Amino acid sequence: MRILLTGATGFIGREVMQSLLATGAEVHVLGRTDPGVPGVSHHLIDLLGGADLDAVRAIGGTHLVHLAWYPERDFWTATQNLDWVAASIQLVHAFAAGGGRRAVVAGSCAEYAWGDSRLDETASPIAPATLYGSAKASLHAKLAEAAPELGLSLAWARIFFPYGPRERPQRLLGTLLHAMRCGEVAHFSAGYQRRDFIHVRDAAAAIAAILAAPIEGPVNVASGEAIEVRRFVEIAAKTAGMMDRVVFSTQPLPASEPPVIEGAVERLIGGTGYRPRFTLAEGLADAISRFRSLS
């Protein structure tokens, strides 16, 4: 396989890159920043800045993993989401024109209508509540329609809630890690909402497994089991020795906050043979240990 990878320096992308290298594949990273990893070929291509799509075609990739997207804190509402829809379509088109035959593109659980039900790829309605979710859902619809004409086998990885040592301070575990580094108190919501968390290395392994399998269409990248945010924080804080520096709000959650977001994983497991490496406790211990080694 000659794999084209975007978003290789991102939170999930750097782990996906390692998973792909472990398969012995030839990995070509497209983007503005060279990840500086032995065995990886970097191509300086700005996907949003008039990318040289002839250069994409010339690489002759057989497989594509497209993870790059707008990464900033306001991503839920940012109009840059629209730019990434257009840029992603151009990228996939150029990849197919260069002989590409298999693509995995990152979607999101934000495409679903969030409620009390377990989110299933074949049965749950698509009704995003944010511009980010709408952009992802729109891109999936367009690529799914075009894939047969492009000669592509397309899988759409709907990623749920990954956690790991390199989280931004604004994210859940990142809030705790930032407070640990700075000797501060970490503040959280009441935390009774349930979310489907997956270790970033497990998410990366799942994406690599999807790429290697014949499965097509949407595939949830999740653990399959939602737990209370409060419990997640408590396990992490206990592991980090920070229980005395965690404060939960006493205010009720806003009505817009879904009580549970949990993904069905039968398609992922049945279609790829993937199995997660980490339990939640093991994953949080790994994330905290790796964060300390980065500090």
Protein backbone atom coordinates (compact mmCIF):
# COMPACT_ATOMS: atom_id res chain seq x y z
CA MET A 1 0.00 0.00 0.00
CA ARG A 2 1.09 3.55 -0.76
CA ILE A 3 -0.91 5.56 1.75
CA LEU A 4 -1.61 9.29 1.62
CA LEU A 5 -2.28 10.73 5.09
CA THR A 6 -3.55 14.19 6.03
CA GLY A 7 -3.65 15.59 9.55
CA ALA A 8 -0.55 13.60 10.54
CA THR A 9 0.57 16.13 13.16
CA GLY A 10 -2.83 16.31 14.83
CA PHE A 11 -4.09 14.67 18.00
CA ILE A 12 -5.39 11.55 16.23
CA GLY A 13 -3.24 11.80 13.12
CA ARG A 14 0.13 11.27 14.80
CA GLU A 15 -1.19 8.01 16.29
CA VAL A 16 -2.70 6.90 12.98
CA MET A 17 0.65 7.55 11.31
CA GLN A 18 2.36 5.19 13.75
CA SER A 19 -0.33 2.54 13.25
CA LEU A 20 0.10 2.72 9.48
CA LEU A 21 3.90 2.54 9.70
CA ALA A 22 3.58 -0.56 11.86
CA THR A 23 1.88 -2.35 8.94
CA GLY A 24 4.94 -1.82 6.75
CA ALA A 25 3.04 0.41 4.34
CA GLU A 26 4.61 3.29 2.42
CA VAL A 27 3.29 6.43 4.13
CA HIS A 28 3.14 9.85 2.42
CA VAL A 29 2.06 12.80 4.57
CA LEU A 30 0.32 15.74 2.89
CA GLY A 31 0.37 19.04 4.77
CA ARG A 32 2.24 22.17 5.72
CA THR A 33 4.20 20.60 8.59
CA ASP A 34 6.73 17.80 8.29
CA PRO A 35 6.10 15.35 11.16
CA GLY A 36 9.79 14.50 11.08
CA VAL A 37 9.23 10.75 11.46
CA PRO A 38 11.69 8.29 9.91
CA GLY A 39 10.16 6.28 7.11
CA VAL A 40 7.52 8.92 6.30
CA SER A 41 7.65 11.01 3.11
CA HIS A 42 6.40 14.57 3.57
CA HIS A 43 4.83 16.57 0.73
CA LEU A 44 4.43 20.30 1.34
CA ILE A 45 0.83 20.79 0.27
CA ASP A 46 -1.53 23.39 1.74
CA LEU A 47 -4.94 21.82 1.29
CA LEU A 48 -6.70 25.14 1.93
CA GLY A 49 -4.26 27.37 0.09
CA GLY A 50 -4.68 26.42 -3.52
CA ALA A 51 -3.17 22.97 -3.12
CA ASP A 52 -1.18 21.58 -6.04
CA LEU A 53 -3.54 18.75 -6.85
CA ASP A 54 -1.31 17.68 -9.73
CA ALA A 55 1.27 16.86 -7.04
CA VAL A 56 -1.31 14.75 -5.21
CA ARG A 57 -2.09 12.85 -8.38
CA ALA A 58 1.61 12.37 -9.12
CA ILE A 59 2.26 10.54 -5.84
CA GLY A 60 0.09 7.70 -7.08
CA GLY A 61 -1.32 6.71 -3.73
CA THR A 62 -3.36 3.53 -3.53
CA HIS A 63 -4.96 4.39 -0.18
CA LEU A 64 -5.99 7.63 1.53
CA VAL A 65 -6.66 8.48 5.17
CA HIS A 66 -8.03 12.01 5.37
CA LEU A 67 -8.11 13.40 8.91
CA ALA A 68 -7.18 17.07 8.45
CA TRP A 69 -9.83 19.60 9.48
CA TYR A 70 -10.18 22.95 11.22
CA PRO A 71 -8.69 22.34 14.71
CA GLU A 72 -9.34 25.50 16.69
CA ARG A 73 -11.48 25.88 19.81
CA ASP A 74 -14.45 27.38 17.91
CA PHE A 75 -14.65 24.44 15.49
CA TRP A 76 -18.31 23.73 16.34
CA THR A 77 -19.46 26.99 14.72
CA ALA A 78 -16.53 28.17 12.58
CA THR A 79 -17.25 28.96 8.93
CA GLN A 80 -13.90 27.33 8.10
CA ASN A 81 -15.83 24.07 8.22
CA LEU A 82 -17.24 25.04 4.82
CA ASP A 83 -13.74 25.53 3.43
CA TRP A 84 -12.80 22.04 4.54
CA VAL A 85 -15.78 20.50 2.76
CA ALA A 86 -14.61 22.01 -0.53
CA ALA A 87 -10.93 21.18 0.08
CA SER A 88 -11.75 17.59 1.02
CA ILE A 89 -13.74 17.02 -2.15
CA GLN A 90 -10.85 18.33 -4.25
CA LEU A 91 -8.38 16.13 -2.38
CA VAL A 92 -10.40 12.95 -2.83
CA HIS A 93 -10.97 13.77 -6.50
CA ALA A 94 -7.22 14.25 -7.07
CA PHE A 95 -6.42 11.05 -5.18
CA ALA A 96 -8.82 9.05 -7.35
CA ALA A 97 -7.44 10.67 -10.51
CA GLY A 98 -3.97 9.46 -9.49
CA GLY A 99 -5.18 5.86 -9.35
CA GLY A 100 -6.32 5.76 -5.73
CA ARG A 101 -8.79 3.02 -4.94
CA ARG A 102 -9.46 2.98 -1.18
CA ALA A 103 -10.22 5.97 1.08
CA VAL A 104 -11.09 6.40 4.74
CA VAL A 105 -12.31 9.89 5.67
CA ALA A 106 -12.84 11.13 9.23
CA GLY A 107 -16.41 11.91 10.16
CA SER A 108 -17.88 12.60 13.59
CA CYS A 109 -20.52 11.43 16.02
CA ALA A 110 -21.74 15.04 15.76
CA GLU A 111 -23.46 14.06 12.51
CA TYR A 112 -26.10 12.11 14.42
CA ALA A 113 -29.24 13.38 16.12
CA TRP A 114 -28.15 13.16 19.74
CA GLY A 115 -30.65 11.78 22.23
CA ASP A 116 -31.05 8.85 24.59
CA SER A 117 -30.56 6.06 22.05
CA ARG A 118 -27.38 4.22 21.13
CA LEU A 119 -26.13 5.62 17.85
CA ASP A 120 -26.14 3.10 15.03
CA GLU A 121 -24.71 3.68 11.55
CA THR A 122 -27.64 2.14 9.73
CA ALA A 123 -30.61 3.17 11.90
CA SER A 124 -29.87 6.41 13.77
CA PRO A 125 -30.99 9.62 12.05
CA ILE A 126 -28.48 12.12 10.72
CA ALA A 127 -29.52 15.50 12.13
CA PRO A 128 -26.50 17.48 13.30
CA ALA A 129 -27.00 20.33 15.76
CA THR A 130 -23.82 22.24 14.81
CA LEU A 131 -22.18 23.64 11.69
CA TYR A 132 -19.28 21.26 12.24
CA GLY A 133 -21.59 18.26 12.26
CA SER A 134 -23.49 19.55 9.24
CA ALA A 135 -20.26 20.04 7.30
CA LYS A 136 -19.11 16.51 8.03
CA ALA A 137 -22.50 15.02 7.14
CA SER A 138 -22.64 17.02 3.92
CA LEU A 139 -19.15 15.89 2.92
CA HIS A 140 -20.03 12.27 3.57
CA ALA A 141 -23.18 12.50 1.45
CA LYS A 142 -21.28 14.03 -1.47
CA LEU A 143 -18.35 11.60 -1.34
CA ALA A 144 -20.63 8.57 -0.95
CA GLU A 145 -22.57 9.60 -4.05
CA ALA A 146 -19.43 10.25 -6.08
CA ALA A 147 -17.38 7.21 -4.97
CA PRO A 148 -18.74 4.76 -7.57
CA GLU A 149 -18.05 7.23 -10.39
CA LEU A 150 -14.55 7.81 -9.02
CA GLY A 151 -13.88 4.09 -8.73
CA LEU A 152 -13.36 4.40 -4.98
CA SER A 153 -14.05 2.10 -2.09
CA LEU A 154 -15.02 4.61 0.60
CA ALA A 155 -15.34 4.18 4.37
CA TRP A 156 -16.46 6.99 6.65
CA ALA A 157 -15.07 6.83 10.20
CA ARG A 158 -17.46 8.51 12.67
CA ILE A 159 -15.17 9.27 15.59
CA PHE A 160 -16.66 9.66 19.07
CA PHE A 161 -14.67 11.02 22.06
CA PRO A 162 -10.96 10.19 21.89
CA TYR A 163 -8.71 11.02 24.83
CA GLY A 164 -4.95 10.93 25.25
CA PRO A 165 -1.78 12.63 26.49
CA ARG A 166 -1.65 15.41 23.90
CA GLU A 167 -5.13 16.81 24.44
CA ARG A 168 -5.63 20.55 24.27
CA PRO A 169 -6.25 22.18 27.67
CA GLN A 170 -9.83 22.99 26.58
CA ARG A 171 -10.77 19.31 26.28
CA LEU A 172 -11.92 17.09 29.14
CA LEU A 173 -8.75 15.15 30.01
CA GLY A 174 -6.70 18.09 28.77
CA THR A 175 -8.24 20.27 31.49
CA LEU A 176 -7.00 17.86 34.15
CA LEU A 177 -3.57 17.44 32.55
CA HIS A 178 -3.11 21.21 32.26
CA ALA A 179 -4.04 21.67 35.93
CA MET A 180 -1.64 18.88 36.90
CA ARG A 181 1.22 20.54 35.05
CA CYS A 182 0.48 24.01 36.45
CA GLY A 183 -0.43 22.99 40.01
CA GLU A 184 -3.92 24.43 39.60
CA VAL A 185 -7.46 23.32 40.45
CA ALA A 186 -9.39 21.66 37.60
CA HIS A 187 -13.02 22.72 37.21
CA PHE A 188 -15.67 20.57 35.51
CA SER A 189 -19.42 20.46 34.97
CA ALA A 190 -21.56 18.35 37.30
CA GLY A 191 -20.57 15.52 34.98
CA TYR A 192 -23.69 13.34 34.97
CA GLN A 193 -23.86 13.21 31.17
CA ARG A 194 -22.57 9.95 29.68
CA ARG A 195 -20.09 9.89 26.80
CA ASP A 196 -18.39 7.19 24.72
CA PHE A 197 -14.66 7.67 25.32
CA ILE A 198 -11.95 5.85 23.36
CA HIS A 199 -8.19 6.02 23.86
CA VAL A 200 -6.56 7.85 20.97
CA ARG A 201 -4.32 4.86 20.22
CA ASP A 202 -7.38 2.61 20.02
CA ALA A 203 -9.08 5.14 17.73
CA ALA A 204 -5.99 5.15 15.50
CA ALA A 205 -5.83 1.35 15.42
CA ALA A 206 -9.51 1.24 14.49
CA ILE A 207 -8.96 3.66 11.59
CA ALA A 208 -6.01 1.61 10.35
CA ALA A 209 -8.13 -1.55 10.59
CA ILE A 210 -10.95 0.09 8.63
CA LEU A 211 -8.47 1.09 5.90
CA ALA A 212 -7.22 -2.48 5.55
CA ALA A 213 -10.70 -4.06 5.52
CA PRO A 214 -13.24 -4.13 2.67
CA ILE A 215 -15.93 -2.45 4.80
CA GLU A 216 -17.61 0.58 3.18
CA GLY A 217 -19.90 3.35 4.37
CA PRO A 218 -20.12 4.82 7.86
CA VAL A 219 -18.31 3.05 10.71
CA ASN A 220 -18.41 4.24 14.31
CA VAL A 221 -15.00 4.60 15.96
CA ALA A 222 -16.03 4.24 19.58
CA SER A 223 -15.69 2.00 22.63
CA GLY A 224 -19.36 0.99 22.55
CA GLU A 225 -19.88 1.91 26.20
CA ALA A 226 -20.69 5.38 27.48
CA ILE A 227 -19.76 6.33 31.05
CA GLU A 228 -20.47 9.40 33.14
CA VAL A 229 -18.10 12.29 32.56
CA ARG A 230 -17.83 12.56 36.33
CA ARG A 231 -16.61 8.97 36.58
CA PHE A 232 -14.08 9.54 33.80
CA VAL A 233 -12.67 12.54 35.65
CA GLU A 234 -12.61 10.74 38.99
CA ILE A 235 -10.64 7.79 37.57
CA ALA A 236 -8.19 10.16 35.87
CA ALA A 237 -7.81 12.37 38.94
CA LYS A 238 -7.20 9.41 41.23
CA THR A 239 -4.59 8.05 38.83
CA ALA A 240 -2.89 11.46 38.69
CA GLY A 241 -3.07 11.97 42.47
CA MET A 242 -5.27 15.03 42.02
CA MET A 243 -8.54 14.22 43.75
CA ASP A 244 -8.03 17.19 46.08
CA ARG A 245 -7.76 19.56 43.10
CA VAL A 246 -10.91 18.61 41.19
CA VAL A 247 -14.10 20.65 41.53
CA PHE A 248 -17.43 19.67 39.98
CA SER A 249 -20.10 22.28 39.37
CA THR A 250 -23.34 22.11 41.32
CA GLN A 251 -25.26 23.73 38.46
CA PRO A 252 -27.58 21.53 36.38
CA LEU A 253 -26.51 20.76 32.84
CA PRO A 254 -28.07 22.95 30.14
CA ALA A 255 -31.04 21.48 28.30
CA SER A 256 -28.95 21.41 25.11
CA GLU A 257 -26.50 18.92 26.66
CA PRO A 258 -27.45 15.37 25.57
CA PRO A 259 -27.73 12.94 28.50
CA VAL A 260 -25.89 10.19 26.62
CA ILE A 261 -23.82 9.81 23.45
CA GLU A 262 -22.87 6.18 22.83
CA GLY A 263 -21.84 4.46 19.63
CA ALA A 264 -22.74 0.99 18.41
CA VAL A 265 -19.55 -0.86 17.43
CA GLU A 266 -20.90 -4.02 15.81
CA ARG A 267 -19.98 -2.80 12.30
CA LEU A 268 -16.47 -1.87 13.41
CA ILE A 269 -15.77 -5.17 15.15
CA GLY A 270 -17.57 -7.40 12.68
CA GLY A 271 -16.20 -5.65 9.60
CA THR A 272 -12.57 -5.33 10.65
CA GLY A 273 -11.87 -7.75 13.50
CA TYR A 274 -10.67 -4.77 15.53
CA ARG A 275 -10.43 -5.11 19.30
CA PRO A 276 -9.52 -2.26 21.68
CA ARG A 277 -6.25 -2.46 23.55
CA PHE A 278 -7.21 -0.39 26.60
CA THR A 279 -9.85 -0.52 29.29
CA LEU A 280 -10.78 2.96 30.51
CA ALA A 281 -8.62 2.67 33.64
CA GLU A 282 -5.68 1.35 31.62
CA GLY A 283 -6.12 4.02 28.96
CA LEU A 284 -6.21 6.88 31.45
CA ALA A 285 -3.15 5.51 33.24
CA ASP A 286 -1.33 5.31 29.90
CA ALA A 287 -2.38 8.83 28.90
CA ILE A 288 -1.27 10.36 32.21
CA SER A 289 2.04 8.46 32.17
CA ARG A 290 2.78 9.55 28.60
CA PHE A 291 1.81 13.14 29.41
CA ARG A 292 4.31 13.18 32.26
CA SER A 293 7.02 11.91 29.94
CA LEU A 294 6.22 14.76 27.51
CA SER A 295 6.32 17.46 30.20
